[in-house]
């Protein structure tokens, strides 16, 4: 048992990379050597052989995406931070609106609202900062948001009165395309 816990703690220490020695390649190399050592010791560990073999197997399944965080600055090692961000956004949304659930507009404009919320948490913006934007990128985002809004409006129209909506479609379809 002690050997198993010691090997798992060593694996965690390698992944923690507190010394910040090298990027993803160095951590990957050191961790690969450690996992291979765990694989060899798994066969010799008796009762823990199955658990250690499982640890090695799961580690290998996560291998392709395990080391990006060492090469990309400020990329979190886990998705806990991202989950906390979305949860915090939903919480604040509910508090502001008085709703018990997140509003539908969060789905429509979520990407913009979350980025705005993140930006204002990092620093305070003044009018000069806001005037220095890429106008073309802003127009693209606005067009995408408008397209989403339009599609939701059409769905709502059908749900409100399906018979009238289908009748309008029939009339449009049966209307002659060429003048008579």
C-alpha atoms as a PDB file:
ATOM      1  CA  UNK A   1       0.000   0.000   0.000  1.00  0.00           C
ATOM      2  CA  UNK A   2       2.745   2.429   0.926  1.00  0.00           C
ATOM      3  CA  UNK A   3       4.516   1.784  -2.369  1.00  0.00           C
ATOM      4  CA  UNK A   4       1.293   2.473  -4.308  1.00  0.00           C
ATOM      5  CA  UNK A   5       0.600   5.729  -2.489  1.00  0.00           C
ATOM      6  CA  UNK A   6       4.217   6.842  -2.864  1.00  0.00           C
ATOM      7  CA  UNK A   7       4.097   6.248  -6.631  1.00  0.00           C
ATOM      8  CA  UNK A   8       0.799   8.146  -7.012  1.00  0.00           C
ATOM      9  CA  UNK A   9       2.172  11.055  -4.940  1.00  0.00           C
ATOM     10  CA  UNK A  10       5.279  11.156  -7.149  1.00  0.00           C
ATOM     11  CA  UNK A  11       3.073  11.230 -10.245  1.00  0.00           C
ATOM     12  CA  UNK A  12       1.099  14.147  -8.786  1.00  0.00           C
ATOM     13  CA  UNK A  13       4.326  16.003  -7.931  1.00  0.00           C
ATOM     14  CA  UNK A  14       5.613  15.583 -11.492  1.00  0.00           C
ATOM     15  CA  UNK A  15       2.354  16.904 -12.934  1.00  0.00           C
ATOM     16  CA  UNK A  16       2.293  19.790 -10.460  1.00  0.00           C
ATOM     17  CA  UNK A  17       5.675  20.916 -11.850  1.00  0.00           C
ATOM     18  CA  UNK A  18       6.315  23.369  -9.014  1.00  0.00           C
ATOM     19  CA  UNK A  19       9.917  23.915 -10.052  1.00  0.00           C
ATOM     20  CA  UNK A  20       8.687  25.011 -13.525  1.00  0.00           C
ATOM     21  CA  UNK A  21      11.497  23.055 -15.140  1.00  0.00           C
ATOM     22  CA  UNK A  22      10.913  22.968 -18.867  1.00  0.00           C
ATOM     23  CA  UNK A  23       7.705  23.019 -20.801  1.00  0.00           C
ATOM     24  CA  UNK A  24       5.342  20.270 -21.775  1.00  0.00           C
ATOM     25  CA  UNK A  25       8.051  18.184 -23.436  1.00  0.00           C
ATOM     26  CA  UNK A  26      10.163  17.948 -20.263  1.00  0.00           C
ATOM     27  CA  UNK A  27       7.177  17.133 -18.041  1.00  0.00           C
ATOM     28  CA  UNK A  28       5.904  14.598 -20.601  1.00  0.00           C
ATOM     29  CA  UNK A  29       9.290  12.837 -20.693  1.00  0.00           C
ATOM     30  CA  UNK A  30       9.641  12.706 -16.910  1.00  0.00           C
ATOM     31  CA  UNK A  31       6.049  11.545 -16.451  1.00  0.00           C
ATOM     32  CA  UNK A  32       6.382   8.860 -19.148  1.00  0.00           C
ATOM     33  CA  UNK A  33       9.418   7.420 -17.337  1.00  0.00           C
ATOM     34  CA  UNK A  34       7.482   7.435 -14.056  1.00  0.00           C
ATOM     35  CA  UNK A  35       4.414   5.741 -15.573  1.00  0.00           C
ATOM     36  CA  UNK A  36       6.651   3.066 -17.146  1.00  0.00           C
ATOM     37  CA  UNK A  37       8.238   2.494 -13.736  1.00  0.00           C
ATOM     38  CA  UNK A  38       4.752   2.173 -12.228  1.00  0.00           C
ATOM     39  CA  UNK A  39       3.850  -0.369 -14.914  1.00  0.00           C
ATOM     40  CA  UNK A  40       6.909  -2.458 -14.081  1.00  0.00           C
ATOM     41  CA  UNK A  41       6.264  -2.268 -10.329  1.00  0.00           C
ATOM     42  CA  UNK A  42       2.581  -3.103 -10.837  1.00  0.00           C
ATOM     43  CA  UNK A  43       3.491  -6.662 -11.765  1.00  0.00           C
ATOM     44  CA  UNK A  44       5.573  -7.012  -8.591  1.00  0.00           C
ATOM     45  CA  UNK A  45       3.159  -5.352  -6.160  1.00  0.00           C
ATOM     46  CA  UNK A  46       0.813  -8.284  -5.553  1.00  0.00           C
ATOM     47  CA  UNK A  47      -2.515  -7.021  -4.262  1.00  0.00           C
ATOM     48  CA  UNK A  48      -2.084  -3.565  -5.797  1.00  0.00           C
ATOM     49  CA  UNK A  49      -1.166  -4.889  -9.233  1.00  0.00           C
ATOM     50  CA  UNK A  50      -4.672  -4.421 -10.601  1.00  0.00           C
ATOM     51  CA  UNK A  51      -5.082  -0.890  -9.202  1.00  0.00           C
ATOM     52  CA  UNK A  52      -1.690   0.253 -10.496  1.00  0.00           C
ATOM     53  CA  UNK A  53      -2.343  -1.279 -13.911  1.00  0.00           C
ATOM     54  CA  UNK A  54      -5.651   0.612 -13.998  1.00  0.00           C
ATOM     55  CA  UNK A  55      -3.860   3.855 -13.097  1.00  0.00           C
ATOM     56  CA  UNK A  56      -1.388   3.327 -15.945  1.00  0.00           C
ATOM     57  CA  UNK A  57      -4.198   2.501 -18.386  1.00  0.00           C
ATOM     58  CA  UNK A  58      -6.254   5.597 -17.489  1.00  0.00           C
ATOM     59  CA  UNK A  59      -3.165   7.805 -17.655  1.00  0.00           C
ATOM     60  CA  UNK A  60      -2.432   6.546 -21.160  1.00  0.00           C
ATOM     61  CA  UNK A  61      -6.005   7.273 -22.251  1.00  0.00           C
ATOM     62  CA  UNK A  62      -5.634  10.917 -21.134  1.00  0.00           C
ATOM     63  CA  UNK A  63      -2.123  11.235 -22.553  1.00  0.00           C
ATOM     64  CA  UNK A  64      -2.853  13.281 -25.729  1.00  0.00           C
ATOM     65  CA  UNK A  65      -4.336  16.251 -23.842  1.00  0.00           C
ATOM     66  CA  UNK A  66      -2.493  15.945 -20.568  1.00  0.00           C
ATOM     67  CA  UNK A  67       0.417  18.320 -21.201  1.00  0.00           C
ATOM     68  CA  UNK A  68      -1.040  21.303 -23.093  1.00  0.00           C
ATOM     69  CA  UNK A  69      -1.234  23.337 -19.914  1.00  0.00           C
ATOM     70  CA  UNK A  70       2.558  23.393 -19.644  1.00  0.00           C
ATOM     71  CA  UNK A  71       3.018  24.851 -23.131  1.00  0.00           C
ATOM     72  CA  UNK A  72       0.184  27.410 -23.125  1.00  0.00           C
ATOM     73  CA  UNK A  73       0.522  30.210 -20.567  1.00  0.00           C
ATOM     74  CA  UNK A  74      -2.448  30.736 -18.212  1.00  0.00           C
ATOM     75  CA  UNK A  75      -4.191  27.549 -19.393  1.00  0.00           C
ATOM     76  CA  UNK A  76      -5.661  25.898 -16.290  1.00  0.00           C
ATOM     77  CA  UNK A  77      -4.564  22.330 -15.572  1.00  0.00           C
ATOM     78  CA  UNK A  78      -8.127  21.250 -14.835  1.00  0.00           C
ATOM     79  CA  UNK A  79     -11.524  22.407 -16.012  1.00  0.00           C
ATOM     80  CA  UNK A  80     -12.524  23.309 -12.446  1.00  0.00           C
ATOM     81  CA  UNK A  81     -11.828  26.984 -13.120  1.00  0.00           C
ATOM     82  CA  UNK A  82     -14.000  26.940 -16.225  1.00  0.00           C
ATOM     83  CA  UNK A  83     -16.835  25.197 -14.406  1.00  0.00           C
ATOM     84  CA  UNK A  84     -16.555  27.731 -11.597  1.00  0.00           C
ATOM     85  CA  UNK A  85     -16.750  30.561 -14.141  1.00  0.00           C
ATOM     86  CA  UNK A  86     -19.965  29.227 -15.694  1.00  0.00           C
ATOM     87  CA  UNK A  87     -21.484  28.528 -12.291  1.00  0.00           C
ATOM     88  CA  UNK A  88     -20.619  32.012 -11.083  1.00  0.00           C
ATOM     89  CA  UNK A  89     -22.129  33.532 -14.222  1.00  0.00           C
ATOM     90  CA  UNK A  90     -25.373  31.580 -13.754  1.00  0.00           C
ATOM     91  CA  UNK A  91     -25.483  32.564 -10.069  1.00  0.00           C
ATOM     92  CA  UNK A  92     -25.046  36.282 -10.823  1.00  0.00           C
ATOM     93  CA  UNK A  93     -27.574  36.057 -13.645  1.00  0.00           C
ATOM     94  CA  UNK A  94     -30.160  34.584 -11.296  1.00  0.00           C
ATOM     95  CA  UNK A  95     -29.414  37.173  -8.617  1.00  0.00           C
ATOM     96  CA  UNK A  96     -29.737  40.085 -11.062  1.00  0.00           C
ATOM     97  CA  UNK A  97     -32.967  38.911 -12.660  1.00  0.00           C
ATOM     98  CA  UNK A  98     -34.636  37.349  -9.635  1.00  0.00           C
ATOM     99  CA  UNK A  99     -35.156  34.134 -11.582  1.00  0.00           C
ATOM    100  CA  UNK A 100     -34.654  30.681 -10.164  1.00  0.00           C
ATOM    101  CA  UNK A 101     -32.999  29.496 -13.371  1.00  0.00           C
ATOM    102  CA  UNK A 102     -30.713  31.213 -15.861  1.00  0.00           C
ATOM    103  CA  UNK A 103     -32.524  33.368 -18.400  1.00  0.00           C
ATOM    104  CA  UNK A 104     -32.880  32.245 -22.026  1.00  0.00           C
ATOM    105  CA  UNK A 105     -30.858  35.256 -23.130  1.00  0.00           C
ATOM    106  CA  UNK A 106     -27.827  33.710 -21.459  1.00  0.00           C
ATOM    107  CA  UNK A 107     -28.018  30.968 -24.063  1.00  0.00           C
ATOM    108  CA  UNK A 108     -28.431  33.491 -26.884  1.00  0.00           C
ATOM    109  CA  UNK A 109     -25.834  35.997 -25.830  1.00  0.00           C
ATOM    110  CA  UNK A 110     -23.824  33.842 -23.456  1.00  0.00           C
ATOM    111  CA  UNK A 111     -20.522  34.068 -25.272  1.00  0.00           C
ATOM    112  CA  UNK A 112     -20.641  37.853 -25.256  1.00  0.00           C
ATOM    113  CA  UNK A 113     -21.947  38.156 -21.722  1.00  0.00           C
ATOM    114  CA  UNK A 114     -19.403  35.768 -20.255  1.00  0.00           C
ATOM    115  CA  UNK A 115     -16.530  37.550 -22.006  1.00  0.00           C
ATOM    116  CA  UNK A 116     -17.839  40.924 -20.807  1.00  0.00           C
ATOM    117  CA  UNK A 117     -18.123  39.575 -17.282  1.00  0.00           C
ATOM    118  CA  UNK A 118     -14.595  38.208 -17.388  1.00  0.00           C
ATOM    119  CA  UNK A 119     -13.214  41.424 -18.798  1.00  0.00           C
ATOM    120  CA  UNK A 120     -14.769  43.594 -16.135  1.00  0.00           C
ATOM    121  CA  UNK A 121     -13.460  41.318 -13.383  1.00  0.00           C
ATOM    122  CA  UNK A 122      -9.900  41.790 -14.601  1.00  0.00           C
ATOM    123  CA  UNK A 123      -9.864  45.592 -14.830  1.00  0.00           C
ATOM    124  CA  UNK A 124     -12.017  48.696 -14.928  1.00  0.00           C
ATOM    125  CA  UNK A 125     -12.590  50.144 -18.400  1.00  0.00           C
ATOM    126  CA  UNK A 126     -13.058  53.810 -19.214  1.00  0.00           C
ATOM    127  CA  UNK A 127     -14.659  55.431 -22.281  1.00  0.00           C
ATOM    128  CA  UNK A 128     -11.312  55.677 -24.098  1.00  0.00           C
ATOM    129  CA  UNK A 129     -10.734  51.924 -23.750  1.00  0.00           C
ATOM    130  CA  UNK A 130     -14.182  51.144 -25.070  1.00  0.00           C
ATOM    131  CA  UNK A 131     -13.821  53.446 -28.068  1.00  0.00           C
ATOM    132  CA  UNK A 132     -10.724  51.596 -29.290  1.00  0.00           C
ATOM    133  CA  UNK A 133     -12.428  48.489 -30.676  1.00  0.00           C
ATOM    134  CA  UNK A 134     -12.313  46.568 -33.915  1.00  0.00           C
ATOM    135  CA  UNK A 135     -15.533  47.786 -35.475  1.00  0.00           C
ATOM    136  CA  UNK A 136     -15.680  44.991 -38.073  1.00  0.00           C
ATOM    137  CA  UNK A 137     -15.314  42.264 -35.426  1.00  0.00           C
ATOM    138  CA  UNK A 138     -18.010  43.971 -33.346  1.00  0.00           C
ATOM    139  CA  UNK A 139     -20.370  43.986 -36.354  1.00  0.00           C
ATOM    140  CA  UNK A 140     -19.722  40.272 -36.971  1.00  0.00           C
ATOM    141  CA  UNK A 141     -20.592  39.414 -33.369  1.00  0.00           C
ATOM    142  CA  UNK A 142     -23.731  41.565 -33.532  1.00  0.00           C
ATOM    143  CA  UNK A 143     -24.817  39.873 -36.788  1.00  0.00           C
ATOM    144  CA  UNK A 144     -24.326  36.420 -35.259  1.00  0.00           C
ATOM    145  CA  UNK A 145     -26.338  37.387 -32.177  1.00  0.00           C
ATOM    146  CA  UNK A 146     -29.112  38.827 -34.356  1.00  0.00           C
ATOM    147  CA  UNK A 147     -29.238  35.625 -36.389  1.00  0.00           C
ATOM    148  CA  UNK A 148     -29.686  33.586 -33.206  1.00  0.00           C
ATOM    149  CA  UNK A 149     -32.415  35.948 -32.034  1.00  0.00           C
ATOM    150  CA  UNK A 150     -34.256  35.667 -35.357  1.00  0.00           C
ATOM    151  CA  UNK A 151     -34.212  31.869 -35.272  1.00  0.00           C
ATOM    152  CA  UNK A 152     -35.615  31.873 -31.728  1.00  0.00           C
ATOM    153  CA  UNK A 153     -38.335  34.310 -32.794  1.00  0.00           C
ATOM    154  CA  UNK A 154     -39.410  31.984 -35.613  1.00  0.00           C
ATOM    155  CA  UNK A 155     -39.589  29.011 -33.257  1.00  0.00           C
ATOM    156  CA  UNK A 156     -41.692  31.001 -30.826  1.00  0.00           C
ATOM    157  CA  UNK A 157     -44.108  31.995 -33.610  1.00  0.00           C
ATOM    158  CA  UNK A 158     -44.734  28.347 -34.443  1.00  0.00           C
ATOM    159  CA  UNK A 159     -45.235  27.368 -30.800  1.00  0.00           C
ATOM    160  CA  UNK A 160     -47.638  30.232 -30.152  1.00  0.00           C
ATOM    161  CA  UNK A 161     -50.046  29.363 -33.000  1.00  0.00           C
ATOM    162  CA  UNK A 162     -48.995  26.324 -35.065  1.00  0.00           C
ATOM    163  CA  UNK A 163     -52.163  26.298 -37.177  1.00  0.00           C
ATOM    164  CA  UNK A 164     -51.789  29.904 -38.348  1.00  0.00           C
ATOM    165  CA  UNK A 165     -48.092  29.435 -38.991  1.00  0.00           C
ATOM    166  CA  UNK A 166     -48.661  26.318 -41.111  1.00  0.00           C
ATOM    167  CA  UNK A 167     -51.497  28.063 -42.950  1.00  0.00           C
ATOM    168  CA  UNK A 168     -49.135  30.924 -43.881  1.00  0.00           C
ATOM    169  CA  UNK A 169     -46.583  28.425 -45.153  1.00  0.00           C
ATOM    170  CA  UNK A 170     -49.230  26.664 -47.262  1.00  0.00           C
ATOM    171  CA  UNK A 171     -50.347  29.956 -48.787  1.00  0.00           C
ATOM    172  CA  UNK A 172     -46.770  30.870 -49.667  1.00  0.00           C
ATOM    173  CA  UNK A 173     -46.165  27.457 -51.166  1.00  0.00           C
ATOM    174  CA  UNK A 174     -49.371  27.339 -53.210  1.00  0.00           C
ATOM    175  CA  UNK A 175     -49.066  30.944 -54.428  1.00  0.00           C
ATOM    176  CA  UNK A 176     -48.225  30.930 -58.151  1.00  0.00           C
ATOM    177  CA  UNK A 177     -44.673  32.017 -58.807  1.00  0.00           C
ATOM    178  CA  UNK A 178     -45.331  33.370 -62.313  1.00  0.00           C
ATOM    179  CA  UNK A 179     -47.898  36.076 -63.000  1.00  0.00           C
ATOM    180  CA  UNK A 180     -50.969  34.832 -64.896  1.00  0.00           C
END
